[in-house]
Protein backbone atom coordinates (compact mmCIF):
# COMPACT_ATOMS: atom_id res chain seq x y z
CA MET A 1 154.11 -11.96 78.71
CA LEU A 2 154.96 -15.16 76.86
CA LYS A 3 152.72 -15.78 73.84
CA SER A 4 154.72 -18.05 71.55
CA VAL A 5 156.83 -21.18 72.09
CA LEU A 6 159.08 -22.08 69.15
CA PHE A 7 161.18 -25.22 68.82
CA ASP A 8 164.14 -26.54 66.93
CA LEU A 9 163.34 -29.97 65.46
CA ASP A 10 166.24 -32.44 65.38
CA GLY A 11 167.57 -33.30 68.82
CA THR A 12 164.91 -31.18 70.52
CA LEU A 13 161.53 -32.65 69.60
CA ILE A 14 162.68 -35.65 67.59
CA ASP A 15 165.31 -38.20 68.57
CA SER A 16 166.94 -37.97 65.17
CA ILE A 17 170.62 -37.82 66.15
CA PRO A 18 171.15 -41.58 65.53
CA LEU A 19 169.60 -41.17 62.06
CA ILE A 20 171.75 -38.14 61.27
CA LYS A 21 174.93 -39.88 62.45
CA SER A 22 174.09 -42.97 60.41
CA SER A 23 173.40 -40.81 57.35
CA PHE A 24 176.73 -39.01 57.71
CA LEU A 25 178.61 -42.28 58.18
CA HIS A 26 176.99 -43.73 55.03
CA THR A 27 177.71 -40.60 53.01
CA PHE A 28 181.33 -40.26 54.13
CA LYS A 29 181.97 -43.93 53.32
CA LYS A 30 180.28 -43.66 49.92
CA LEU A 31 182.26 -40.57 48.95
CA GLY A 32 185.52 -41.69 50.53
CA ILE A 33 185.64 -38.80 53.00
CA PRO A 34 187.76 -39.53 56.11
CA TRP A 35 185.54 -39.83 59.19
CA GLY A 36 188.25 -38.70 61.60
CA LYS A 37 186.77 -38.34 65.07
CA GLY A 38 183.30 -37.58 63.74
CA GLU A 39 183.81 -33.83 63.83
CA VAL A 40 180.94 -33.49 61.35
CA LEU A 41 178.50 -34.23 64.18
CA GLY A 42 179.38 -30.81 65.57
CA THR A 43 177.67 -29.28 62.53
CA ILE A 44 174.25 -30.65 63.47
CA GLY A 45 171.96 -27.65 63.60
CA LEU A 46 173.50 -26.04 60.52
CA PRO A 47 172.10 -26.41 56.98
CA LEU A 48 173.11 -29.68 55.31
CA ARG A 49 174.19 -27.84 52.16
CA ASP A 50 176.74 -25.86 54.17
CA VAL A 51 178.09 -29.13 55.58
CA ALA A 52 178.31 -30.60 52.07
CA LYS A 53 180.20 -27.54 50.83
CA HIS A 54 182.71 -27.90 53.63
CA TYR A 55 183.35 -31.66 53.44
CA ALA A 56 182.85 -32.20 49.70
CA PRO A 57 183.57 -28.86 48.02
CA GLU A 58 184.09 -30.54 44.63
CA ASN A 59 181.16 -32.91 45.06
CA GLU A 60 178.47 -31.00 46.94
CA GLU A 61 175.44 -32.26 44.98
CA ARG A 62 176.61 -35.87 45.18
CA PHE A 63 177.00 -35.52 48.95
CA LEU A 64 173.45 -34.20 49.28
CA ASP A 65 172.01 -36.86 46.98
CA VAL A 66 173.64 -39.78 48.81
CA TYR A 67 172.70 -38.40 52.24
CA VAL A 68 169.07 -37.69 51.38
CA LYS A 69 168.43 -40.99 49.58
CA TYR A 70 169.85 -43.00 52.46
CA GLN A 71 167.90 -41.03 55.04
CA GLN A 72 164.63 -41.53 53.20
CA GLU A 73 165.23 -45.29 53.13
CA VAL A 74 165.68 -45.66 56.89
CA GLN A 75 163.93 -42.72 58.55
CA GLU A 76 160.56 -44.39 59.20
CA GLU A 77 162.31 -47.03 61.26
CA MET A 78 164.71 -44.68 63.05
CA LEU A 79 162.75 -41.48 63.76
CA HIS A 80 160.89 -41.10 67.05
CA PRO A 81 159.80 -38.18 69.23
CA PHE A 82 161.67 -37.98 72.51
CA PRO A 83 159.76 -39.49 75.45
CA GLY A 84 157.43 -36.87 76.88
CA THR A 85 157.37 -34.72 73.76
CA ILE A 86 153.76 -35.32 72.72
CA ASP A 87 152.33 -35.03 76.24
CA SER A 88 154.27 -31.81 76.79
CA LEU A 89 153.13 -30.31 73.49
CA ILE A 90 149.55 -31.10 74.45
CA GLN A 91 150.03 -29.20 77.72
CA ILE A 92 151.70 -26.27 75.96
CA ARG A 93 148.84 -26.03 73.47
CA LYS A 94 146.25 -26.21 76.26
CA LYS A 95 147.87 -23.18 77.87
CA GLY A 96 147.12 -21.21 74.73
CA TYR A 97 150.64 -20.62 73.45
CA LEU A 98 151.18 -20.22 69.73
CA THR A 99 153.67 -22.85 68.68
CA GLY A 100 156.10 -23.39 65.84
CA VAL A 101 159.09 -25.24 64.48
CA VAL A 102 162.11 -23.33 63.21
CA THR A 103 164.69 -25.66 61.68
CA SER A 104 167.75 -25.79 59.45
CA LYS A 105 166.25 -28.88 57.84
CA ARG A 106 164.84 -28.71 54.32
CA ARG A 107 161.08 -28.40 53.82
CA LYS A 108 160.38 -31.88 52.44
CA ALA A 109 162.48 -33.61 55.09
CA THR A 110 160.87 -31.51 57.82
CA ARG A 111 157.35 -32.44 56.77
CA GLU A 112 158.31 -36.10 56.49
CA SER A 113 159.83 -36.03 59.98
CA LEU A 114 156.77 -34.37 61.51
CA ASN A 115 154.41 -36.83 59.82
CA ILE A 116 156.43 -39.93 60.75
CA THR A 117 156.61 -38.89 64.41
CA GLY A 118 152.98 -37.75 64.70
CA LEU A 119 153.91 -34.15 65.54
CA ASN A 120 152.52 -32.40 62.48
CA ASP A 121 149.30 -31.11 64.06
CA PHE A 122 150.91 -29.43 67.07
CA PHE A 123 152.29 -26.35 65.33
CA ASP A 124 150.85 -23.10 64.02
CA VAL A 125 153.88 -22.38 61.86
CA VAL A 126 156.84 -24.29 60.41
CA VAL A 127 159.86 -22.46 58.99
CA THR A 128 162.60 -24.43 57.21
CA VAL A 129 165.98 -23.57 55.75
CA GLU A 130 164.40 -23.06 52.33
CA ASP A 131 162.00 -20.42 53.62
CA VAL A 132 164.63 -17.76 54.37
CA LYS A 133 167.71 -16.25 52.76
CA GLN A 134 169.96 -16.63 55.79
CA PRO A 135 169.65 -19.73 58.02
CA LYS A 136 170.46 -20.18 61.70
CA PRO A 137 172.21 -18.74 63.61
CA HIS A 138 171.05 -15.68 61.65
CA PRO A 139 167.67 -14.62 63.10
CA ASP A 140 165.75 -14.60 59.77
CA SER A 141 164.00 -17.95 60.26
CA LEU A 142 162.90 -17.18 63.80
CA LEU A 143 161.75 -13.68 62.90
CA SER A 144 159.83 -15.11 59.93
CA ALA A 145 157.93 -17.48 62.22
CA LEU A 146 157.12 -14.69 64.67
CA LYS A 147 155.95 -12.41 61.86
CA GLN A 148 153.54 -15.10 60.68
CA LEU A 149 152.25 -15.46 64.24
CA SER A 150 152.08 -11.66 64.79
CA VAL A 151 154.12 -12.03 67.98
CA PRO A 152 157.07 -9.76 68.88
CA PRO A 153 160.36 -11.42 69.85
CA THR A 154 160.04 -10.14 73.42
CA GLU A 155 156.95 -12.32 73.86
CA ALA A 156 158.49 -15.52 72.50
CA VAL A 157 160.95 -18.23 73.49
CA TYR A 158 163.10 -20.41 71.26
CA ILE A 159 164.00 -23.90 72.47
CA GLY A 160 166.81 -26.02 71.10
CA ASP A 161 169.56 -28.53 71.75
CA SER A 162 172.49 -26.89 69.94
CA ILE A 163 174.59 -23.81 70.49
CA TYR A 164 173.30 -22.50 67.15
CA ASP A 165 169.74 -22.54 68.51
CA ILE A 166 170.66 -20.41 71.51
CA MET A 167 172.61 -18.05 69.26
CA THR A 168 169.62 -17.77 66.93
CA GLY A 169 167.25 -16.91 69.75
CA LYS A 170 169.59 -14.28 71.14
CA ASN A 171 170.13 -12.79 67.68
CA ALA A 172 166.36 -12.57 67.20
CA GLY A 173 165.70 -11.09 70.64
CA THR A 174 163.67 -13.96 72.10
CA ALA A 175 164.10 -15.75 75.38
CA THR A 176 166.03 -19.02 75.01
CA ILE A 177 165.90 -22.48 76.57
CA GLY A 178 168.61 -25.06 76.00
CA VAL A 179 167.71 -28.75 76.32
CA THR A 180 170.41 -31.22 77.29
CA TRP A 181 168.98 -34.37 75.66
CA GLY A 182 170.20 -33.51 72.14
CA ILE A 183 173.54 -33.10 70.43
CA ALA A 184 175.41 -30.42 72.40
CA ALA A 185 177.30 -30.99 75.62
CA LYS A 186 175.67 -29.34 78.61
CA LYS A 187 178.71 -27.14 79.26
CA ASP A 188 178.69 -25.89 75.66
CA LEU A 189 175.03 -24.91 75.94
CA ALA A 190 175.70 -23.25 79.30
CA ASN A 191 178.48 -21.20 77.71
CA GLN A 192 175.86 -19.62 75.42
CA HIS A 193 173.98 -18.38 78.51
CA PRO A 194 170.41 -19.41 77.66
CA ASP A 195 167.70 -18.07 79.96
CA PHE A 196 167.11 -21.64 81.13
CA LEU A 197 169.00 -24.91 80.68
CA VAL A 198 166.80 -27.93 81.29
CA ASN A 199 167.33 -31.68 81.59
CA SER A 200 163.75 -32.86 81.13
CA TRP A 201 160.40 -31.89 79.68
CA GLU A 202 159.13 -31.38 83.23
CA GLU A 203 161.84 -28.78 83.83
CA LEU A 204 161.06 -27.17 80.48
CA LEU A 205 157.38 -26.76 81.35
CA THR A 206 158.36 -25.20 84.67
CA ALA A 207 160.69 -22.80 82.85
CA LEU A 208 157.87 -21.70 80.54
CA ASP A 209 155.76 -20.84 83.57
CA LYS A 210 158.54 -18.52 84.75
CA LEU A 211 158.84 -16.59 81.49
């Protein structure tokens, strides 16, 4: 019996991909890192520090500083919940599910994002990259959220837009739902074999009823 519905944040609840892309473009330009074909966008869903270590191994802190400062300057203008997100969260809460956010985003940025988009009051628990030793796709963050909710993995579902989200849910032993309106290509999500792959909030709500 499903008791808890847990979500990834960026690209799942919040239409933040344009902000993230803009922040990467700004940072790469500032640090003189070749953009190439934008391969860095494939890292969305992983901790920013890991991305910085990979693309600026000699300049990791500078990468983080430039990225974060730029994002804070423009995020209020660029961040929005996806259409249907708030209405769907209201329905999910009315059904009595315990809800949470499990993200690779840092704590301060997560809280800012939730406040800007008006989503802060919809969740019983929020777990960020700074709250666990091993981030997604390791199951620590998801298991931490479930422990706080006193819900076993077999009675929970994790919902996300990246392959790392589906991997995290499987590693933690939850059901998984992939959403196609975020960063990953539909075929890449399908290759991770989530329990459901949905194209809209309406389909997602239907999937929850089947779990």
